[in-house]
Amino acid sequence: MRKTDNQAAATPTIQVIERMFALIDVLASREDAVSLKEISEKTGLHPSTTHRILNDLATGRFVDRPEAGSYRLGMRLLELGNLVKARLNVRDAALAPMRELHKQIQQPVNLSVRQGDEIVYVERAYSERSGMQVVRAIGGRAPLHLTSTGKLFLAADDPQRVRAYATRTGLAGHTKNSITQLPLLERELAKARQYGIARDNEELELGVRCMAAGIYDDQARLVAGLSISAPADRLDENWLAKLQTTANEISGALGHKAAVRLVA
C-alpha cells in the first residue's frame, strides 16, 4: 500500500529523532567525552550522518564539543533537567500547604510557574462551594502582565527585559482593566518589588481578582507563584498574611532560608 504524502514526510522526521535519541544515549553512558568514531560504531550510524546530527545538537547546546572530534552532553540538557526538577519539587512541596490554605479561606488557591511570556497553572486547590467558576484549569496559560503571579516574575526581571517583554507581546489586554501601557505596568511592578506581592484587579477575567506571593528555591530564585482567586467583591485583604505564610512554608521546604517580609 502506497504511503500518503503526510506519512512519507513524517517517516524521515521520526527516523532523525530516533537517531538523535540513540546518540544522546551513547553520550549519557559515558562520563568523559566520546569520539565520533566510537559514537558511530555504538549507534551503527555512518560517521557522516553521526557528525551531521551531532553538529545540529551542538547548535542547540544539547551537545558540547570539548575538542575536535569528541562530544559530550551539553548544558542545555542540564538546564532543562533542572527546570523539570524544580517544577516537580515545587508541586510536591506546595500541595499540602495549598489545601490547608484553601480550607481556611474557601477560595481557589493556584500554583503557577513561568514558561516564556506566560504563566502555566500546575496545581489548584478549590471546591465548587467557592461560588466561582474555575476557568483556568491545570495546564492553562495566561500572559504574565495580566496575572498576579506573572507580575511577580516580571518584577524579578530587570527593566530592559520588561521592556523587551512589552515589545514582544504588545501588552495585549483581555478586559477593560488590563494594563496595556508600559509606564503603568512598570509602576505596578515597582509595588510588587517593594511589597513582595502582586495583584490582578479583574485584568485577566472580569469579576475575578487575585493576589499572589512568590515561592523561592534554595538559591533564592523565584520558581513559582502562589495565588488566591476570588470573586471581585469577596477578595479579603486579611487573606494576604495567610497567603504569604503559606508561600514562605513552601519556599522553606525547597530550601529557601531568607524570610519573606509579610505585608501588614
Protein backbone atom coordinates (compact mmCIF):
# COMPACT_ATOMS: atom_id res chain seq x y z
CA MET A 1 0.00 0.00 0.00
CA ARG A 2 1.43 3.38 -1.05
CA LYS A 3 2.14 5.82 1.77
CA THR A 4 0.27 9.12 1.84
CA ASP A 5 2.25 12.35 1.42
CA ASN A 6 1.93 13.06 5.14
CA GLN A 7 3.20 9.59 6.06
CA ALA A 8 6.13 9.91 3.67
CA ALA A 9 7.08 13.29 5.14
CA ALA A 10 6.74 12.06 8.73
CA THR A 11 8.92 8.95 8.32
CA PRO A 12 12.28 10.75 7.78
CA THR A 13 11.49 13.10 10.68
CA ILE A 14 10.79 10.19 13.03
CA GLN A 15 13.98 8.49 11.83
CA VAL A 16 16.08 11.57 12.61
CA ILE A 17 14.55 11.87 16.08
CA GLU A 18 15.25 8.21 16.80
CA ARG A 19 18.86 8.71 15.73
CA MET A 20 19.19 11.78 17.93
CA PHE A 21 17.97 9.79 20.93
CA ALA A 22 20.42 6.98 20.14
CA LEU A 23 23.32 9.46 20.03
CA ILE A 24 22.27 11.08 23.30
CA ASP A 25 22.01 7.66 24.95
CA VAL A 26 25.60 6.85 23.96
CA LEU A 27 26.86 10.16 25.36
CA ALA A 28 24.85 9.64 28.55
CA SER A 29 26.51 6.26 29.12
CA ARG A 30 29.96 7.84 29.46
CA GLU A 31 31.28 10.45 31.88
CA ASP A 32 34.05 11.58 29.55
CA ALA A 33 33.82 12.93 26.02
CA VAL A 34 33.29 10.27 23.34
CA SER A 35 34.98 10.21 19.94
CA LEU A 36 32.97 10.48 16.75
CA LYS A 37 34.27 7.07 15.68
CA GLU A 38 33.09 5.36 18.87
CA ILE A 39 29.68 7.05 18.76
CA SER A 40 29.27 5.95 15.15
CA GLU A 41 30.22 2.37 15.97
CA LYS A 42 27.93 2.12 19.00
CA THR A 43 24.90 3.51 17.18
CA GLY A 44 25.56 1.80 13.86
CA LEU A 45 25.21 5.12 12.06
CA HIS A 46 27.50 6.23 9.25
CA PRO A 47 30.16 8.67 10.50
CA SER A 48 28.91 11.44 8.21
CA THR A 49 25.34 11.02 9.49
CA THR A 50 26.59 10.92 13.08
CA HIS A 51 28.66 14.06 12.52
CA ARG A 52 25.75 15.96 10.95
CA ILE A 53 23.27 15.17 13.73
CA LEU A 54 25.80 15.87 16.48
CA ASN A 55 26.56 19.27 14.93
CA ASP A 56 22.84 20.08 14.91
CA LEU A 57 22.61 19.07 18.57
CA ALA A 58 25.67 21.19 19.36
CA THR A 59 24.00 24.22 17.75
CA GLY A 60 21.15 23.82 20.23
CA ARG A 61 23.62 23.30 23.12
CA PHE A 62 22.32 19.77 23.70
CA VAL A 63 25.83 18.50 22.92
CA ASP A 64 29.25 20.07 23.60
CA ARG A 65 32.47 19.63 21.62
CA PRO A 66 35.32 19.94 24.15
CA GLU A 67 37.80 19.29 21.35
CA ALA A 68 37.70 18.43 17.66
CA GLY A 69 36.21 15.00 17.01
CA SER A 70 34.81 14.37 20.51
CA TYR A 71 31.43 15.04 22.07
CA ARG A 72 29.65 15.05 25.43
CA LEU A 73 26.24 16.03 26.74
CA GLY A 74 25.63 19.78 26.72
CA MET A 75 24.50 22.28 29.31
CA ARG A 76 21.09 22.70 27.70
CA LEU A 77 20.09 19.25 28.93
CA LEU A 78 21.17 20.20 32.45
CA GLU A 79 19.13 23.41 32.26
CA LEU A 80 16.03 21.56 31.10
CA GLY A 81 16.54 18.85 33.70
CA ASN A 82 16.81 21.42 36.48
CA LEU A 83 13.68 23.15 35.20
CA VAL A 84 11.67 19.93 35.29
CA LYS A 85 13.12 19.05 38.72
CA ALA A 86 12.19 22.45 40.13
CA ARG A 87 8.64 22.23 38.82
CA LEU A 88 8.11 18.72 40.16
CA ASN A 89 9.61 19.59 43.53
CA VAL A 90 7.63 22.79 43.97
CA ARG A 91 4.37 21.00 43.20
CA ASP A 92 5.14 18.25 45.69
CA ALA A 93 6.10 20.78 48.35
CA ALA A 94 3.09 23.00 47.66
CA LEU A 95 0.21 20.56 47.54
CA ALA A 96 -0.49 20.05 51.26
CA PRO A 97 0.01 23.74 52.24
CA MET A 98 -2.24 24.80 49.35
CA ARG A 99 -5.01 22.50 50.53
CA GLU A 100 -4.69 23.81 54.07
CA LEU A 101 -4.90 27.42 52.85
CA HIS A 102 -7.97 26.56 50.80
CA LYS A 103 -9.64 25.09 53.90
CA GLN A 104 -9.07 28.37 55.71
CA ILE A 105 -10.36 30.75 53.03
CA GLN A 106 -12.65 28.54 50.91
CA GLN A 107 -11.46 30.14 47.68
CA PRO A 108 -9.31 28.71 44.86
CA VAL A 109 -5.57 28.59 45.56
CA ASN A 110 -3.34 28.35 42.48
CA LEU A 111 0.26 27.31 41.89
CA SER A 112 1.81 28.70 38.71
CA VAL A 113 5.23 28.73 37.06
CA ARG A 114 6.68 30.84 34.29
CA GLN A 115 7.12 29.50 30.79
CA GLY A 116 8.40 32.13 28.41
CA ASP A 117 5.98 35.05 28.25
CA GLU A 118 3.20 33.19 30.06
CA ILE A 119 2.44 31.53 33.34
CA VAL A 120 1.29 27.93 33.43
CA TYR A 121 -1.07 26.68 36.14
CA VAL A 122 0.46 23.48 37.55
CA GLU A 123 -1.78 22.86 40.57
CA ARG A 124 -5.01 24.15 42.11
CA ALA A 125 -6.91 23.63 45.35
CA TYR A 126 -10.57 24.55 45.06
CA SER A 127 -14.11 23.41 45.71
CA GLU A 128 -17.40 24.00 43.96
CA ARG A 129 -18.65 25.80 47.07
CA SER A 130 -16.37 28.74 46.33
CA GLY A 131 -19.17 30.20 44.23
CA MET A 132 -16.73 30.97 41.41
CA GLN A 133 -16.45 29.26 38.07
CA VAL A 134 -12.99 27.78 37.61
CA VAL A 135 -11.94 28.81 34.11
CA ARG A 136 -8.16 28.36 34.33
CA ALA A 137 -7.60 24.63 34.54
CA ILE A 138 -4.31 22.95 35.40
CA GLY A 139 -2.12 23.28 32.32
CA GLY A 140 -3.84 26.52 31.35
CA ARG A 141 -1.79 29.54 30.36
CA ALA A 142 -2.09 33.29 30.72
CA PRO A 143 0.03 36.34 29.83
CA LEU A 144 2.45 37.49 32.52
CA HIS A 145 1.26 41.10 32.68
CA LEU A 146 -2.39 40.15 33.19
CA THR A 147 -1.89 37.89 36.21
CA SER A 148 -0.75 38.39 39.78
CA THR A 149 1.84 35.61 39.59
CA GLY A 150 3.01 36.79 36.18
CA LYS A 151 3.68 40.24 37.59
CA LEU A 152 5.90 38.70 40.26
CA PHE A 153 8.03 37.11 37.55
CA LEU A 154 8.18 40.35 35.57
CA ALA A 155 9.12 42.22 38.75
CA ALA A 156 12.08 39.85 39.12
CA ASP A 157 13.34 40.86 35.65
CA ASP A 158 15.49 43.90 35.04
CA PRO A 159 13.91 46.94 33.28
CA GLN A 160 15.43 46.04 29.92
CA ARG A 161 13.83 42.59 29.98
CA VAL A 162 10.48 44.08 30.96
CA ARG A 163 10.65 46.47 28.02
CA ALA A 164 11.57 43.60 25.71
CA TYR A 165 8.56 41.65 27.01
CA ALA A 166 6.30 44.64 26.33
CA THR A 167 7.65 44.90 22.78
CA ARG A 168 7.19 41.19 22.07
CA THR A 169 3.67 40.93 23.43
CA GLY A 170 2.34 44.40 22.74
CA LEU A 171 0.82 44.19 26.25
CA ALA A 172 -2.45 42.98 24.78
CA GLY A 173 -5.42 43.26 27.14
CA HIS A 174 -8.28 40.91 27.96
CA THR A 175 -10.62 43.24 29.86
CA LYS A 176 -11.21 46.96 30.35
CA ASN A 177 -9.00 46.75 33.48
CA SER A 178 -6.00 45.19 31.71
CA ILE A 179 -2.75 47.10 31.96
CA THR A 180 -1.72 47.76 28.37
CA GLN A 181 0.70 50.68 28.82
CA LEU A 182 4.33 50.12 29.79
CA PRO A 183 4.58 53.04 32.30
CA LEU A 184 1.54 51.71 34.18
CA LEU A 185 2.98 48.20 34.19
CA GLU A 186 6.33 49.47 35.46
CA ARG A 187 4.62 51.22 38.37
CA GLU A 188 2.73 48.03 39.17
CA LEU A 189 5.96 46.02 39.12
CA ALA A 190 7.68 48.54 41.39
CA LYS A 191 4.98 47.91 44.00
CA ALA A 192 5.42 44.16 43.60
CA ARG A 193 9.15 44.51 44.26
CA GLN A 194 8.55 46.72 47.28
CA TYR A 195 5.95 44.57 48.99
CA GLY A 196 6.73 41.09 47.65
CA ILE A 197 3.16 40.54 46.48
CA ALA A 198 1.24 41.30 43.29
CA ARG A 199 -2.40 41.67 42.35
CA ASP A 200 -4.74 41.13 39.41
CA ASN A 201 -7.66 43.56 39.55
CA GLU A 202 -10.02 41.91 37.03
CA GLU A 203 -7.30 42.25 34.41
CA LEU A 204 -7.48 38.71 33.06
CA GLU A 205 -11.17 37.99 33.71
CA LEU A 206 -13.91 40.38 34.67
CA GLY A 207 -15.37 39.57 38.07
CA VAL A 208 -12.22 37.83 39.31
CA ARG A 209 -9.47 39.36 41.44
CA CYS A 210 -6.25 37.68 42.60
CA MET A 211 -3.33 38.21 44.95
CA ALA A 212 -0.03 36.34 44.68
CA ALA A 213 3.13 35.73 46.69
CA GLY A 214 6.38 34.28 45.40
CA ILE A 215 7.90 30.87 46.07
CA TYR A 216 11.72 30.70 46.13
CA ASP A 217 14.21 27.84 45.95
CA ASP A 218 17.44 27.23 47.85
CA GLN A 219 19.26 29.67 45.54
CA ALA A 220 16.72 32.43 46.32
CA ARG A 221 15.34 32.18 42.78
CA LEU A 222 11.66 32.82 42.13
CA VAL A 223 10.42 29.45 40.85
CA ALA A 224 6.63 29.73 41.25
CA GLY A 225 3.82 31.90 42.48
CA LEU A 226 1.04 31.06 44.90
CA SER A 227 -2.17 32.97 44.30
CA ILE A 228 -5.69 33.27 45.65
CA SER A 229 -8.53 33.84 43.19
CA ALA A 230 -11.91 35.14 44.31
CA PRO A 231 -14.97 36.95 43.02
CA ALA A 232 -14.05 40.62 42.83
CA ASP A 233 -16.34 41.64 45.69
CA ARG A 234 -15.12 38.85 48.01
CA LEU A 235 -11.35 39.16 47.94
CA ASP A 236 -10.41 39.70 51.58
CA GLU A 237 -7.24 41.62 52.42
CA ASN A 238 -6.99 39.59 55.63
CA TRP A 239 -6.05 36.60 53.48
CA LEU A 240 -2.77 38.24 52.50
CA ALA A 241 -0.86 37.23 55.64
CA LYS A 242 -2.12 33.64 55.28
CA LEU A 243 -1.05 33.62 51.63
CA GLN A 244 2.46 34.83 52.40
CA THR A 245 2.84 32.46 55.34
CA THR A 246 1.91 29.56 53.07
CA ALA A 247 4.26 30.73 50.33
CA ASN A 248 7.06 31.02 52.90
CA GLU A 249 6.33 27.49 54.12
CA ILE A 250 6.62 26.10 50.59
CA SER A 251 9.80 28.10 49.97
CA GLY A 252 11.25 26.69 53.20
CA ALA A 253 10.51 23.17 52.00
CA LEU A 254 12.54 23.96 48.87
CA GLY A 255 15.49 25.06 51.00
CA HIS A 256 14.94 28.82 50.93
CA LYS A 257 16.36 30.34 54.12
CA ALA A 258 15.64 34.07 53.94
CA ALA A 259 12.28 35.05 55.37
CA VAL A 260 9.98 36.99 53.08
CA ARG A 261 8.51 40.08 54.78
CA LEU A 262 4.82 39.91 55.49
CA VAL A 263 2.69 42.83 54.39
CA ALA A 264 0.56 44.32 57.13
